[in-house]
Amino acid sequence: MRDVPVKVDRRKGDERRKGPRRKRSMNQYDLEADVLEFIGAIGRFKERSGRPFPTWSEVLAILKGLGYEKRGPE
């Protein structure tokens, strides 16, 4: 896993809302293609279900839908 720098905003309440708002695109963090594919699959799940978070069982179903399989001991 790669570390991603996170900007911490220490301003209080209304001070945070005064600056220009920019939405970051997912590609701004230079993520690998398989990570972007997984993020997209989770996003599609959220849109279809109307829920903000999938259960772990649903995450497993999403992964299997992307073609991931459990391997035996190596």
PDB file of N, CA and C in Angstrom:
ATOM      1  N   MET A   1       0.838  -1.169   0.000  1.00  0.00           N
ATOM      2  CA  MET A   1       0.000   0.000   0.000  1.00  0.00           C
ATOM      3  C   MET A   1       0.889   1.241   0.000  1.00  0.00           C
ATOM      4  N   ARG A   2       0.460   2.264  -0.722  1.00  0.00           N
ATOM      5  CA  ARG A   2       1.248   3.489  -0.800  1.00  0.00           C
ATOM      6  C   ARG A   2       0.658   4.542   0.114  1.00  0.00           C
ATOM      7  N   ASP A   3       1.532   5.376   0.708  1.00  0.00           N
ATOM      8  CA  ASP A   3       1.063   6.475   1.541  1.00  0.00           C
ATOM      9  C   ASP A   3       0.576   7.604   0.652  1.00  0.00           C
ATOM     10  N   VAL A   4      -0.533   8.214   1.051  1.00  0.00           N
ATOM     11  CA  VAL A   4      -1.091   9.345   0.322  1.00  0.00           C
ATOM     12  C   VAL A   4      -1.078  10.535   1.263  1.00  0.00           C
ATOM     13  N   PRO A   5      -0.431  11.645   0.884  1.00  0.00           N
ATOM     14  CA  PRO A   5      -0.400  12.811   1.769  1.00  0.00           C
ATOM     15  C   PRO A   5      -1.796  13.404   1.927  1.00  0.00           C
ATOM     16  N   VAL A   6      -2.100  13.832   3.156  1.00  0.00           N
ATOM     17  CA  VAL A   6      -3.400  14.417   3.459  1.00  0.00           C
ATOM     18  C   VAL A   6      -3.171  15.791   4.054  1.00  0.00           C
ATOM     19  N   LYS A   7      -3.854  16.787   3.503  1.00  0.00           N
ATOM     20  CA  LYS A   7      -3.745  18.136   4.014  1.00  0.00           C
ATOM     21  C   LYS A   7      -4.689  18.284   5.201  1.00  0.00           C
ATOM     22  N   VAL A   8      -4.186  18.804   6.316  1.00  0.00           N
ATOM     23  CA  VAL A   8      -4.997  19.006   7.509  1.00  0.00           C
ATOM     24  C   VAL A   8      -5.350  20.480   7.587  1.00  0.00           C
ATOM     25  N   ASP A   9      -6.650  20.760   7.672  1.00  0.00           N
ATOM     26  CA  ASP A   9      -7.134  22.142   7.751  1.00  0.00           C
ATOM     27  C   ASP A   9      -7.467  22.451   9.205  1.00  0.00           C
ATOM     28  N   ARG A  10      -6.669  23.300   9.813  1.00  0.00           N
ATOM     29  CA  ARG A  10      -6.843  23.588  11.234  1.00  0.00           C
ATOM     30  C   ARG A  10      -7.739  24.799  11.493  1.00  0.00           C
ATOM     31  N   ARG A  11      -8.331  25.354  10.446  1.00  0.00           N
ATOM     32  CA  ARG A  11      -9.222  26.496  10.649  1.00  0.00           C
ATOM     33  C   ARG A  11     -10.525  26.032  11.287  1.00  0.00           C
ATOM     34  N   LYS A  12     -11.218  26.930  11.947  1.00  0.00           N
ATOM     35  CA  LYS A  12     -12.464  26.608  12.642  1.00  0.00           C
ATOM     36  C   LYS A  12     -13.670  26.930  11.761  1.00  0.00           C
ATOM     37  N   GLY A  13     -14.784  26.244  12.014  1.00  0.00           N
ATOM     38  CA  GLY A  13     -16.103  26.451  11.421  1.00  0.00           C
ATOM     39  C   GLY A  13     -16.189  27.272  10.154  1.00  0.00           C
ATOM     40  N   ASP A  14     -16.637  28.538  10.268  1.00  0.00           N
ATOM     41  CA  ASP A  14     -16.879  29.404   9.117  1.00  0.00           C
ATOM     42  C   ASP A  14     -15.610  29.741   8.350  1.00  0.00           C
ATOM     43  N   GLU A  15     -14.457  29.752   9.018  1.00  0.00           N
ATOM     44  CA  GLU A  15     -13.204  30.056   8.334  1.00  0.00           C
ATOM     45  C   GLU A  15     -12.931  29.061   7.214  1.00  0.00           C
ATOM     46  N   ARG A  16     -13.284  27.779   7.431  1.00  0.00           N
ATOM     47  CA  ARG A  16     -13.049  26.760   6.417  1.00  0.00           C
ATOM     48  C   ARG A  16     -13.899  26.981   5.180  1.00  0.00           C
ATOM     49  N   ARG A  17     -15.060  27.577   5.337  1.00  0.00           N
ATOM     50  CA  ARG A  17     -16.003  27.721   4.227  1.00  0.00           C
ATOM     51  C   ARG A  17     -15.709  28.931   3.333  1.00  0.00           C
ATOM     52  N   LYS A  18     -14.797  29.804   3.738  1.00  0.00           N
ATOM     53  CA  LYS A  18     -14.569  31.043   2.998  1.00  0.00           C
ATOM     54  C   LYS A  18     -13.759  30.863   1.727  1.00  0.00           C
ATOM     55  N   GLY A  19     -12.831  29.938   1.686  1.00  0.00           N
ATOM     56  CA  GLY A  19     -11.943  29.770   0.539  1.00  0.00           C
ATOM     57  C   GLY A  19     -12.644  29.140  -0.652  1.00  0.00           C
ATOM     58  N   PRO A  20     -11.981  29.195  -1.823  1.00  0.00           N
ATOM     59  CA  PRO A  20     -12.565  28.561  -3.005  1.00  0.00           C
ATOM     60  C   PRO A  20     -12.622  27.053  -2.813  1.00  0.00           C
ATOM     61  N   ARG A  21     -13.687  26.455  -3.325  1.00  0.00           N
ATOM     62  CA  ARG A  21     -13.841  25.003  -3.171  1.00  0.00           C
ATOM     63  C   ARG A  21     -13.403  24.325  -4.450  1.00  0.00           C
ATOM     64  N   ARG A  22     -12.509  23.363  -4.316  1.00  0.00           N
ATOM     65  CA  ARG A  22     -12.056  22.582  -5.452  1.00  0.00           C
ATOM     66  C   ARG A  22     -12.318  21.116  -5.169  1.00  0.00           C
ATOM     67  N   LYS A  23     -12.913  20.445  -6.111  1.00  0.00           N
ATOM     68  CA  LYS A  23     -13.125  19.015  -5.952  1.00  0.00           C
ATOM     69  C   LYS A  23     -11.958  18.291  -6.606  1.00  0.00           C
ATOM     70  N   ARG A  24     -11.364  17.363  -5.886  1.00  0.00           N
ATOM     71  CA  ARG A  24     -10.229  16.613  -6.411  1.00  0.00           C
ATOM     72  C   ARG A  24     -10.735  15.442  -7.237  1.00  0.00           C
ATOM     73  N   SER A  25     -10.068  15.190  -8.330  1.00  0.00           N
ATOM     74  CA  SER A  25     -10.421  14.009  -9.109  1.00  0.00           C
ATOM     75  C   SER A  25      -9.659  12.820  -8.555  1.00  0.00           C
ATOM     76  N   MET A  26     -10.174  11.603  -8.806  1.00  0.00           N
ATOM     77  CA  MET A  26      -9.505  10.415  -8.287  1.00  0.00           C
ATOM     78  C   MET A  26      -8.112  10.260  -8.889  1.00  0.00           C
ATOM     79  N   ASN A  27      -7.911  10.683 -10.125  1.00  0.00           N
ATOM     80  CA  ASN A  27      -6.621  10.517 -10.779  1.00  0.00           C
ATOM     81  C   ASN A  27      -5.555  11.455 -10.234  1.00  0.00           C
ATOM     82  N   GLN A  28      -5.950  12.445  -9.450  1.00  0.00           N
ATOM     83  CA  GLN A  28      -4.986  13.389  -8.913  1.00  0.00           C
ATOM     84  C   GLN A  28      -3.987  12.685  -7.996  1.00  0.00           C
ATOM     85  N   TYR A  29      -4.365  11.566  -7.434  1.00  0.00           N
ATOM     86  CA  TYR A  29      -3.490  10.859  -6.504  1.00  0.00           C
ATOM     87  C   TYR A  29      -2.656   9.788  -7.191  1.00  0.00           C
ATOM     88  N   ASP A  30      -2.727   9.684  -8.502  1.00  0.00           N
ATOM     89  CA  ASP A  30      -1.917   8.745  -9.269  1.00  0.00           C
ATOM     90  C   ASP A  30      -2.094   7.312  -8.766  1.00  0.00           C
ATOM     91  N   LEU A  31      -3.358   6.866  -8.730  1.00  0.00           N
ATOM     92  CA  LEU A  31      -3.662   5.522  -8.260  1.00  0.00           C
ATOM     93  C   LEU A  31      -3.503   4.521  -9.393  1.00  0.00           C
ATOM     94  N   GLU A  32      -3.235   3.281  -9.036  1.00  0.00           N
ATOM     95  CA  GLU A  32      -3.081   2.231 -10.031  1.00  0.00           C
ATOM     96  C   GLU A  32      -4.435   1.862 -10.617  1.00  0.00           C
ATOM     97  N   ALA A  33      -4.426   1.278 -11.816  1.00  0.00           N
ATOM     98  CA  ALA A  33      -5.659   0.973 -12.546  1.00  0.00           C
ATOM     99  C   ALA A  33      -6.580   0.049 -11.763  1.00  0.00           C
ATOM    100  N   ASP A  34      -6.041  -0.969 -11.088  1.00  0.00           N
ATOM    101  CA  ASP A  34      -6.909  -1.881 -10.350  1.00  0.00           C
ATOM    102  C   ASP A  34      -7.555  -1.208  -9.148  1.00  0.00           C
ATOM    103  N   VAL A  35      -6.860  -0.254  -8.544  1.00  0.00           N
ATOM    104  CA  VAL A  35      -7.435   0.501  -7.425  1.00  0.00           C
ATOM    105  C   VAL A  35      -8.572   1.378  -7.941  1.00  0.00           C
ATOM    106  N   LEU A  36      -8.359   2.052  -9.065  1.00  0.00           N
ATOM    107  CA  LEU A  36      -9.421   2.877  -9.648  1.00  0.00           C
ATOM    108  C   LEU A  36     -10.624   2.030 -10.043  1.00  0.00           C
ATOM    109  N   GLU A  37     -10.382   0.822 -10.553  1.00  0.00           N
ATOM    110  CA  GLU A  37     -11.478  -0.072 -10.922  1.00  0.00           C
ATOM    111  C   GLU A  37     -12.298  -0.444  -9.681  1.00  0.00           C
ATOM    112  N   PHE A  38     -11.619  -0.748  -8.575  1.00  0.00           N
ATOM    113  CA  PHE A  38     -12.302  -1.098  -7.334  1.00  0.00           C
ATOM    114  C   PHE A  38     -13.088   0.091  -6.792  1.00  0.00           C
ATOM    115  N   ILE A  39     -12.490   1.272  -6.799  1.00  0.00           N
ATOM    116  CA  ILE A  39     -13.182   2.477  -6.336  1.00  0.00           C
ATOM    117  C   ILE A  39     -14.437   2.723  -7.174  1.00  0.00           C
ATOM    118  N   GLY A  40     -14.314   2.539  -8.493  1.00  0.00           N
ATOM    119  CA  GLY A  40     -15.465   2.704  -9.373  1.00  0.00           C
ATOM    120  C   GLY A  40     -16.564   1.697  -9.074  1.00  0.00           C
ATOM    121  N   ALA A  41     -16.188   0.448  -8.796  1.00  0.00           N
ATOM    122  CA  ALA A  41     -17.172  -0.589  -8.473  1.00  0.00           C
ATOM    123  C   ALA A  41     -17.892  -0.262  -7.168  1.00  0.00           C
ATOM    124  N   ILE A  42     -17.161   0.230  -6.185  1.00  0.00           N
ATOM    125  CA  ILE A  42     -17.784   0.636  -4.921  1.00  0.00           C
ATOM    126  C   ILE A  42     -18.737   1.811  -5.175  1.00  0.00           C
ATOM    127  N   GLY A  43     -18.318   2.762  -5.993  1.00  0.00           N
ATOM    128  CA  GLY A  43     -19.176   3.907  -6.324  1.00  0.00           C
ATOM    129  C   GLY A  43     -20.461   3.475  -7.010  1.00  0.00           C
ATOM    130  N   ARG A  44     -20.358   2.528  -7.954  1.00  0.00           N
ATOM    131  CA  ARG A  44     -21.565   2.017  -8.623  1.00  0.00           C
ATOM    132  C   ARG A  44     -22.490   1.321  -7.635  1.00  0.00           C
ATOM    133  N   PHE A  45     -21.905   0.564  -6.695  1.00  0.00           N
ATOM    134  CA  PHE A  45     -22.710  -0.081  -5.658  1.00  0.00           C
ATOM    135  C   PHE A  45     -23.487   0.975  -4.870  1.00  0.00           C
ATOM    136  N   LYS A  46     -22.791   2.047  -4.455  1.00  0.00           N
ATOM    137  CA  LYS A  46     -23.431   3.102  -3.666  1.00  0.00           C
ATOM    138  C   LYS A  46     -24.580   3.743  -4.429  1.00  0.00           C
ATOM    139  N   GLU A  47     -24.372   3.996  -5.730  1.00  0.00           N
ATOM    140  CA  GLU A  47     -25.427   4.600  -6.543  1.00  0.00           C
ATOM    141  C   GLU A  47     -26.636   3.681  -6.641  1.00  0.00           C
ATOM    142  N   ARG A  48     -26.391   2.377  -6.886  1.00  0.00           N
ATOM    143  CA  ARG A  48     -27.498   1.425  -7.040  1.00  0.00           C
ATOM    144  C   ARG A  48     -28.242   1.194  -5.731  1.00  0.00           C
ATOM    145  N   SER A  49     -27.499   1.085  -4.629  1.00  0.00           N
ATOM    146  CA  SER A  49     -28.121   0.730  -3.355  1.00  0.00           C
ATOM    147  C   SER A  49     -28.696   1.944  -2.621  1.00  0.00           C
ATOM    148  N   GLY A  50     -28.139   3.125  -2.902  1.00  0.00           N
ATOM    149  CA  GLY A  50     -28.574   4.321  -2.174  1.00  0.00           C
ATOM    150  C   GLY A  50     -28.014   4.394  -0.764  1.00  0.00           C
ATOM    151  N   ARG A  51     -27.077   3.513  -0.450  1.00  0.00           N
ATOM    152  CA  ARG A  51     -26.463   3.502   0.873  1.00  0.00           C
ATOM    153  C   ARG A  51     -25.021   3.988   0.777  1.00  0.00           C
ATOM    154  N   PRO A  52     -24.531   4.656   1.823  1.00  0.00           N
ATOM    155  CA  PRO A  52     -23.168   5.204   1.745  1.00  0.00           C
ATOM    156  C   PRO A  52     -22.063   4.167   1.901  1.00  0.00           C
ATOM    157  N   PHE A  53     -22.349   3.015   2.547  1.00  0.00           N
ATOM    158  CA  PHE A  53     -21.304   2.035   2.793  1.00  0.00           C
ATOM    159  C   PHE A  53     -21.819   0.624   2.563  1.00  0.00           C
ATOM    160  N   PRO A  54     -21.047  -0.212   1.859  1.00  0.00           N
ATOM    161  CA  PRO A  54     -21.429  -1.621   1.716  1.00  0.00           C
ATOM    162  C   PRO A  54     -21.023  -2.414   2.967  1.00  0.00           C
ATOM    163  N   THR A  55     -21.702  -3.529   3.200  1.00  0.00           N
ATOM    164  CA  THR A  55     -21.284  -4.439   4.273  1.00  0.00           C
ATOM    165  C   THR A  55     -20.059  -5.195   3.772  1.00  0.00           C
ATOM    166  N   TRP A  56     -19.373  -5.911   4.665  1.00  0.00           N
ATOM    167  CA  TRP A  56     -18.205  -6.687   4.244  1.00  0.00           C
ATOM    168  C   TRP A  56     -18.609  -7.779   3.263  1.00  0.00           C
ATOM    169  N   SER A  57     -19.778  -8.363   3.459  1.00  0.00           N
ATOM    170  CA  SER A  57     -20.262  -9.376   2.514  1.00  0.00           C
ATOM    171  C   SER A  57     -20.457  -8.770   1.126  1.00  0.00           C
ATOM    172  N   GLU A  58     -20.960  -7.558   1.091  1.00  0.00           N
ATOM    173  CA  GLU A  58     -21.164  -6.873  -0.187  1.00  0.00           C
ATOM    174  C   GLU A  58     -19.832  -6.498  -0.830  1.00  0.00           C
ATOM    175  N   VAL A  59     -18.844  -6.119  -0.012  1.00  0.00           N
ATOM    176  CA  VAL A  59     -17.502  -5.833  -0.547  1.00  0.00           C
ATOM    177  C   VAL A  59     -16.933  -7.094  -1.191  1.00  0.00           C
ATOM    178  N   LEU A  60     -17.107  -8.231  -0.531  1.00  0.00           N
ATOM    179  CA  LEU A  60     -16.634  -9.493  -1.088  1.00  0.00           C
ATOM    180  C   LEU A  60     -17.337  -9.790  -2.416  1.00  0.00           C
ATOM    181  N   ALA A  61     -18.654  -9.557  -2.486  1.00  0.00           N
ATOM    182  CA  ALA A  61     -19.402  -9.773  -3.731  1.00  0.00           C
ATOM    183  C   ALA A  61     -18.911  -8.835  -4.830  1.00  0.00           C
ATOM    184  N   ILE A  62     -18.589  -7.599  -4.483  1.00  0.00           N
ATOM    185  CA  ILE A  62     -18.064  -6.631  -5.457  1.00  0.00           C
ATOM    186  C   ILE A  62     -16.722  -7.125  -5.994  1.00  0.00           C
ATOM    187  N   LEU A  63     -15.849  -7.580  -5.093  1.00  0.00           N
ATOM    188  CA  LEU A  63     -14.538  -8.103  -5.510  1.00  0.00           C
ATOM    189  C   LEU A  63     -14.686  -9.313  -6.425  1.00  0.00           C
ATOM    190  N   LYS A  64     -15.578 -10.234  -6.061  1.00  0.00           N
ATOM    191  CA  LYS A  64     -15.811 -11.404  -6.906  1.00  0.00           C
ATOM    192  C   LYS A  64     -16.354 -10.982  -8.266  1.00  0.00           C
ATOM    193  N   GLY A  65     -17.207  -9.957  -8.287  1.00  0.00           N
ATOM    194  CA  GLY A  65     -17.738  -9.434  -9.542  1.00  0.00           C
ATOM    195  C   GLY A  65     -16.648  -8.855 -10.433  1.00  0.00           C
ATOM    196  N   LEU A  66     -15.559  -8.398  -9.828  1.00  0.00           N
ATOM    197  CA  LEU A  66     -14.419  -7.885 -10.585  1.00  0.00           C
ATOM    198  C   LEU A  66     -13.477  -9.011 -11.031  1.00  0.00           C
ATOM    199  N   GLY A  67     -13.776 -10.245 -10.589  1.00  0.00           N
ATOM    200  CA  GLY A  67     -12.979 -11.382 -11.019  1.00  0.00           C
ATOM    201  C   GLY A  67     -11.973 -11.907 -10.021  1.00  0.00           C
ATOM    202  N   TYR A  68     -11.963 -11.352  -8.804  1.00  0.00           N
ATOM    203  CA  TYR A  68     -11.016 -11.827  -7.791  1.00  0.00           C
ATOM    204  C   TYR A  68     -11.509 -13.160  -7.220  1.00  0.00           C
ATOM    205  N   GLU A  69     -10.574 -14.084  -7.010  1.00  0.00           N
ATOM    206  CA  GLU A  69     -10.877 -15.390  -6.444  1.00  0.00           C
ATOM    207  C   GLU A  69      -9.913 -15.707  -5.323  1.00  0.00           C
ATOM    208  N   LYS A  70     -10.400 -16.488  -4.355  1.00  0.00           N
ATOM    209  CA  LYS A  70      -9.537 -16.934  -3.266  1.00  0.00           C
ATOM    210  C   LYS A  70      -8.631 -18.037  -3.799  1.00  0.00           C
ATOM    211  N   ARG A  71      -7.352 -17.941  -3.480  1.00  0.00           N
ATOM    212  CA  ARG A  71      -6.375 -18.971  -3.877  1.00  0.00           C
ATOM    213  C   ARG A  71      -6.103 -19.894  -2.706  1.00  0.00           C
ATOM    214  N   GLY A  72      -5.683 -21.098  -3.015  1.00  0.00           N
ATOM    215  CA  GLY A  72      -5.296 -22.036  -1.987  1.00  0.00           C
ATOM    216  C   GLY A  72      -3.975 -21.628  -1.362  1.00  0.00           C
ATOM    217  N   PRO A  73      -3.525 -22.386  -0.368  1.00  0.00           N
ATOM    218  CA  PRO A  73      -2.240 -22.051   0.274  1.00  0.00           C
ATOM    219  C   PRO A  73      -1.087 -22.110  -0.725  1.00  0.00           C
ATOM    220  N   GLU A  74      -0.198 -21.181  -0.595  1.00  0.00           N
ATOM    221  CA  GLU A  74       0.936 -21.109  -1.517  1.00  0.00           C
ATOM    222  C   GLU A  74       2.226 -21.502  -0.868  1.00  0.00           C
TER     223      GLU A  74
END
